[in-house]
Protein backbone atom coordinates (compact mmCIF):
# COMPACT_ATOMS: atom_id res chain seq x y z
CA MET A 1 -17.29 14.19 15.35
CA SER A 2 -14.65 12.11 17.54
CA ASP A 3 -10.97 12.39 15.95
CA ALA A 4 -11.32 8.51 15.97
CA ALA A 5 -14.35 8.52 13.96
CA GLN A 6 -13.10 11.59 11.77
CA ARG A 7 -10.10 9.00 10.96
CA GLU A 8 -12.26 6.05 9.95
CA ASP A 9 -13.95 8.46 7.95
CA LEU A 10 -11.34 9.31 6.45
CA LYS A 11 -9.96 5.62 6.14
CA ARG A 12 -13.41 5.06 4.37
CA GLN A 13 -13.16 8.01 2.15
CA ALA A 14 -9.55 7.00 0.77
CA ALA A 15 -10.63 3.41 0.23
CA GLU A 16 -13.92 4.02 -1.84
CA GLN A 17 -11.12 6.17 -3.99
CA ALA A 18 -9.55 3.56 -4.34
CA ALA A 19 -12.20 1.16 -5.35
CA SER A 20 -13.47 4.44 -7.60
CA LEU A 21 -10.25 2.77 -9.96
CA VAL A 22 -11.62 -0.42 -10.54
CA GLN A 23 -13.47 -1.01 -13.61
CA SER A 24 -15.59 -3.95 -14.78
CA GLY A 25 -14.25 -7.35 -15.81
CA MET A 26 -10.98 -6.25 -13.98
CA VAL A 27 -9.62 -9.55 -11.76
CA VAL A 28 -9.02 -7.68 -8.40
CA GLY A 29 -6.52 -8.18 -5.26
CA LEU A 30 -8.57 -7.79 -1.90
CA GLY A 31 -6.21 -6.98 0.40
CA VAL A 32 -5.83 -7.26 4.58
CA GLY A 33 -6.34 -4.32 6.97
CA SER A 34 -8.71 -1.45 8.83
CA THR A 35 -8.21 0.31 5.81
CA ALA A 36 -8.09 -1.97 3.10
CA ILE A 37 -11.83 -3.72 4.33
CA TYR A 38 -13.46 -0.67 3.43
CA ALA A 39 -12.67 -1.17 -0.59
CA VAL A 40 -13.75 -4.60 -0.43
CA ARG A 41 -16.90 -4.03 1.14
CA ARG A 42 -17.29 -0.58 -1.64
CA ILE A 43 -16.62 -3.00 -4.28
CA GLY A 44 -19.24 -5.36 -3.05
CA ALA A 45 -21.97 -2.51 -2.98
CA LEU A 46 -20.94 -1.42 -6.58
CA LEU A 47 -21.45 -5.25 -7.90
CA ALA A 48 -24.43 -5.34 -6.27
CA SER A 49 -26.15 -2.12 -7.30
CA GLY A 50 -24.90 -3.39 -10.87
CA GLU A 51 -22.11 -0.27 -11.27
CA LEU A 52 -19.70 -3.13 -11.76
CA ARG A 53 -19.51 -6.29 -13.74
CA ASP A 54 -17.77 -9.36 -13.76
CA ILE A 55 -15.57 -8.81 -11.41
CA VAL A 56 -12.92 -11.74 -9.46
CA GLY A 57 -11.52 -11.55 -6.57
CA ILE A 58 -8.32 -13.05 -5.23
CA PRO A 59 -8.09 -12.31 -1.49
CA CYS A 60 -4.62 -11.97 0.33
CA ALA A 61 -6.21 -13.44 3.06
CA LEU A 62 -8.58 -16.24 4.53
CA ARG A 63 -10.77 -13.79 6.87
CA VAL A 64 -10.23 -11.81 3.75
CA GLU A 65 -11.98 -13.86 1.52
CA GLU A 66 -15.33 -14.61 3.82
CA GLU A 67 -15.94 -11.30 3.79
CA ALA A 68 -15.81 -11.25 0.21
CA ARG A 69 -17.93 -14.43 -0.09
CA ARG A 70 -20.57 -12.69 1.86
CA LEU A 71 -20.23 -9.69 0.08
CA GLY A 72 -21.26 -11.83 -3.06
CA ILE A 73 -17.45 -10.85 -4.73
CA PRO A 74 -16.60 -13.67 -6.81
CA ILE A 75 -13.59 -15.66 -5.48
CA THR A 76 -10.68 -16.82 -8.18
CA THR A 77 -6.92 -17.82 -7.82
CA LEU A 78 -3.94 -17.16 -9.41
CA GLU A 79 -4.41 -20.47 -10.95
CA ASP A 80 -6.77 -19.26 -12.84
CA HIS A 81 -6.04 -15.55 -13.63
CA ALA A 82 -2.13 -15.35 -13.33
CA GLN A 83 -2.19 -11.43 -14.06
CA VAL A 84 -3.96 -9.41 -11.42
CA ASP A 85 -5.22 -5.82 -12.74
CA LEU A 86 -5.34 -3.92 -10.07
CA THR A 87 -4.61 -4.37 -6.33
CA ILE A 88 -5.77 -2.61 -2.96
CA ASP A 89 -4.16 -2.77 -0.02
CA GLY A 90 -2.87 -1.09 3.15
CA ALA A 91 0.14 -1.13 4.76
CA ASP A 92 1.87 -0.37 8.13
CA GLU A 93 4.59 2.11 7.54
CA VAL A 94 5.10 4.00 4.41
CA ASP A 95 8.57 6.03 2.94
CA PRO A 96 8.55 8.43 0.41
CA GLN A 97 10.16 6.38 -2.28
CA LEU A 98 6.81 4.40 -1.61
CA ASN A 99 8.42 1.41 -0.37
CA LEU A 100 6.38 -0.37 2.70
CA ILE A 101 6.43 -2.29 5.45
CA LYS A 102 3.75 -5.15 5.58
CA GLY A 103 2.56 -7.63 7.41
CA GLY A 104 1.11 -6.29 10.71
CA GLY A 105 -2.49 -8.21 9.83
CA ALA A 106 0.12 -11.76 9.37
CA ALA A 107 -0.66 -11.72 5.79
CA LEU A 108 2.35 -10.47 4.70
CA LEU A 109 3.35 -13.78 2.29
CA ARG A 110 -0.15 -14.11 0.43
CA GLU A 111 -0.10 -10.10 0.40
CA LYS A 112 3.84 -10.31 -1.79
CA ILE A 113 2.44 -13.03 -3.89
CA VAL A 114 -0.80 -11.12 -5.23
CA ALA A 115 1.23 -7.77 -5.21
CA GLN A 116 4.33 -8.89 -7.55
CA SER A 117 1.14 -10.54 -9.89
CA SER A 118 -0.52 -6.93 -9.86
CA LEU A 119 -0.08 -4.99 -12.98
CA ARG A 120 -1.10 -1.67 -10.34
CA GLU A 121 -1.04 -2.13 -6.57
CA VAL A 122 -2.69 0.47 -4.78
CA ILE A 123 -1.75 1.42 -1.29
CA ILE A 124 -4.07 3.18 1.47
CA VAL A 125 -3.27 4.50 4.77
CA ASP A 126 -3.71 6.98 7.04
CA GLU A 127 -1.20 9.56 7.27
CA SER A 128 0.20 8.06 10.48
CA LYS A 129 1.63 5.39 8.56
CA LEU A 130 3.92 7.85 6.57
CA SER A 131 8.12 7.91 7.71
CA ALA A 132 11.00 9.75 6.74
CA ARG A 133 12.87 5.76 7.10
CA LEU A 134 10.98 2.36 7.46
CA GLY A 135 11.39 0.86 10.91
CA THR A 136 10.95 4.31 12.64
CA THR A 137 7.48 3.24 13.96
CA TRP A 138 7.20 -0.46 12.99
CA ALA A 139 9.03 -3.40 13.46
CA LEU A 140 9.72 -5.61 10.32
CA PRO A 141 7.44 -8.93 9.88
CA VAL A 142 9.28 -11.86 9.00
CA GLU A 143 7.53 -15.37 8.33
CA VAL A 144 9.06 -18.33 9.48
CA VAL A 145 8.95 -21.75 9.40
CA PRO A 146 8.00 -22.95 12.94
CA PHE A 147 10.70 -25.84 13.07
CA GLY A 148 14.08 -23.97 13.84
CA TRP A 149 12.76 -20.65 14.17
CA GLY A 150 14.69 -20.13 17.03
CA ALA A 151 17.87 -20.36 15.12
CA GLN A 152 16.03 -17.55 12.62
CA ALA A 153 15.62 -15.19 15.61
CA ARG A 154 19.31 -15.56 16.72
CA TRP A 155 20.25 -14.80 13.53
CA ILE A 156 18.33 -11.87 12.69
CA ALA A 157 19.41 -10.43 15.90
CA THR A 158 22.91 -10.56 14.67
CA LEU A 159 22.00 -8.01 12.00
CA GLY A 160 20.70 -5.11 14.75
CA ALA A 161 17.39 -6.52 15.03
CA LYS A 162 15.25 -6.84 18.72
CA VAL A 163 13.37 -9.48 17.61
CA SER A 164 10.09 -11.33 19.28
CA LEU A 165 7.79 -13.74 18.30
CA ARG A 166 4.33 -12.83 17.81
CA LEU A 167 1.66 -14.38 20.38
CA ARG A 168 -1.88 -15.08 20.43
CA GLU A 169 -3.75 -13.58 23.27
CA ASP A 170 -3.69 -16.59 25.05
CA GLY A 171 0.53 -16.88 24.50
CA GLU A 172 0.81 -19.57 21.90
CA PRO A 173 2.48 -18.59 18.43
CA LEU A 174 0.15 -17.46 15.76
CA LEU A 175 0.03 -18.90 13.28
CA THR A 176 -0.09 -17.25 9.48
CA ASP A 177 -2.85 -18.80 6.70
CA GLN A 178 -0.21 -20.98 5.58
CA GLY A 179 0.94 -22.30 9.50
CA ASN A 180 4.01 -20.16 9.78
CA TYR A 181 5.67 -18.29 12.80
CA LEU A 182 5.97 -14.53 12.68
CA LEU A 183 9.20 -12.77 14.01
CA ASP A 184 8.72 -9.02 14.40
CA CYS A 185 12.46 -7.83 14.19
CA ASN A 186 12.61 -3.81 15.47
CA PHE A 187 15.64 -2.70 13.55
CA GLY A 188 14.80 0.74 14.59
CA PRO A 189 15.40 3.28 11.25
CA MET A 190 16.91 1.49 8.43
CA ASP A 191 19.03 2.59 5.63
CA ASP A 192 20.21 -0.13 3.57
CA LEU A 193 16.00 -1.93 2.49
CA GLU A 194 17.50 -3.50 -0.41
CA THR A 195 20.90 -5.44 1.12
CA LEU A 196 18.39 -6.36 4.15
CA ALA A 197 15.74 -7.90 2.01
CA ALA A 198 18.09 -9.61 -0.28
CA ARG A 199 19.93 -10.90 3.10
CA LEU A 200 16.17 -12.38 4.46
CA SER A 201 15.08 -13.80 1.42
CA ALA A 202 18.42 -15.62 1.15
CA ARG A 203 18.04 -17.23 4.40
CA VAL A 204 17.03 -20.59 4.50
CA GLY A 205 13.82 -21.00 7.10
CA ILE A 206 12.82 -17.56 6.38
CA VAL A 207 9.54 -18.01 3.97
CA GLU A 208 9.35 -14.20 3.71
CA HIS A 209 9.70 -10.99 5.04
CA GLY A 210 7.51 -7.81 5.25
CA LEU A 211 9.93 -5.18 3.13
CA PHE A 212 7.86 -4.46 0.16
CA LEU A 213 10.17 -2.26 -2.44
CA GLY A 214 8.94 -1.08 -5.39
CA MET A 215 6.13 -2.65 -5.47
CA ALA A 216 3.19 0.33 -5.19
CA THR A 217 2.41 2.24 -7.69
CA ASP A 218 0.08 4.10 -6.13
CA LEU A 219 -0.60 5.60 -2.71
CA ILE A 220 -3.65 7.21 -1.53
CA VAL A 221 -3.42 8.72 1.86
CA ALA A 222 -6.31 9.70 4.56
CA GLY A 223 -5.39 12.98 6.63
CA ALA A 224 -6.42 16.07 8.62
CA ALA A 225 -6.24 17.72 5.13
CA GLY A 226 -8.42 14.95 3.01
CA ILE A 227 -7.25 12.81 0.85
CA ARG A 228 -4.21 12.53 -1.54
CA HIS A 229 -3.53 10.40 -4.33
CA ILE A 230 0.24 9.82 -5.09
CA GLN A 231 1.55 7.84 -8.09
CA LYS A 232 4.75 6.63 -8.46
């Protein structure tokens, strides 16, 4: 088995371990990413086999909703179910305190809305996503309204980041499911996450940022030595 195939197999194992935490009758947040999609597919298989019953899912992106419907997972909303029992999601970078950078999949706003409504937030990653300090390997995505996005980019640059507008392959700005732009903000390794998060959240025109602080309750890591499950 090639290294890439082995990594994919470990990601699938981690996702299936996370899916094993789902119980019949739960409201489940369906996350975004190459690892999280394995969990969505496993939940669909468990429903199809009858091992799980009466599950409803709240997808964190339109493309996840499409996949969930294809798999026969009933879809609901936070209007009908304000509390999510368990969310399974991915992350771009994770520090030892289980703080996260998310947004590589352009779904950070919906992901954070679902996460804050979840009793349990289970993050599944491969070990390449682990860092001693957030920002070491990943730029921080920041979702902004299209109007005045350049002003937000210049302001974020004054905080010490190298800022770029995320583009599609055709060179046009990538749009989130909410029709917003994404700024990828490379701060390098970050120290005071709480202060940065508060400053970004307070800025008019910034819709949300990809710092998920204190939201993860579980981390399932796929690595060369197998699968690890870390609980906060």
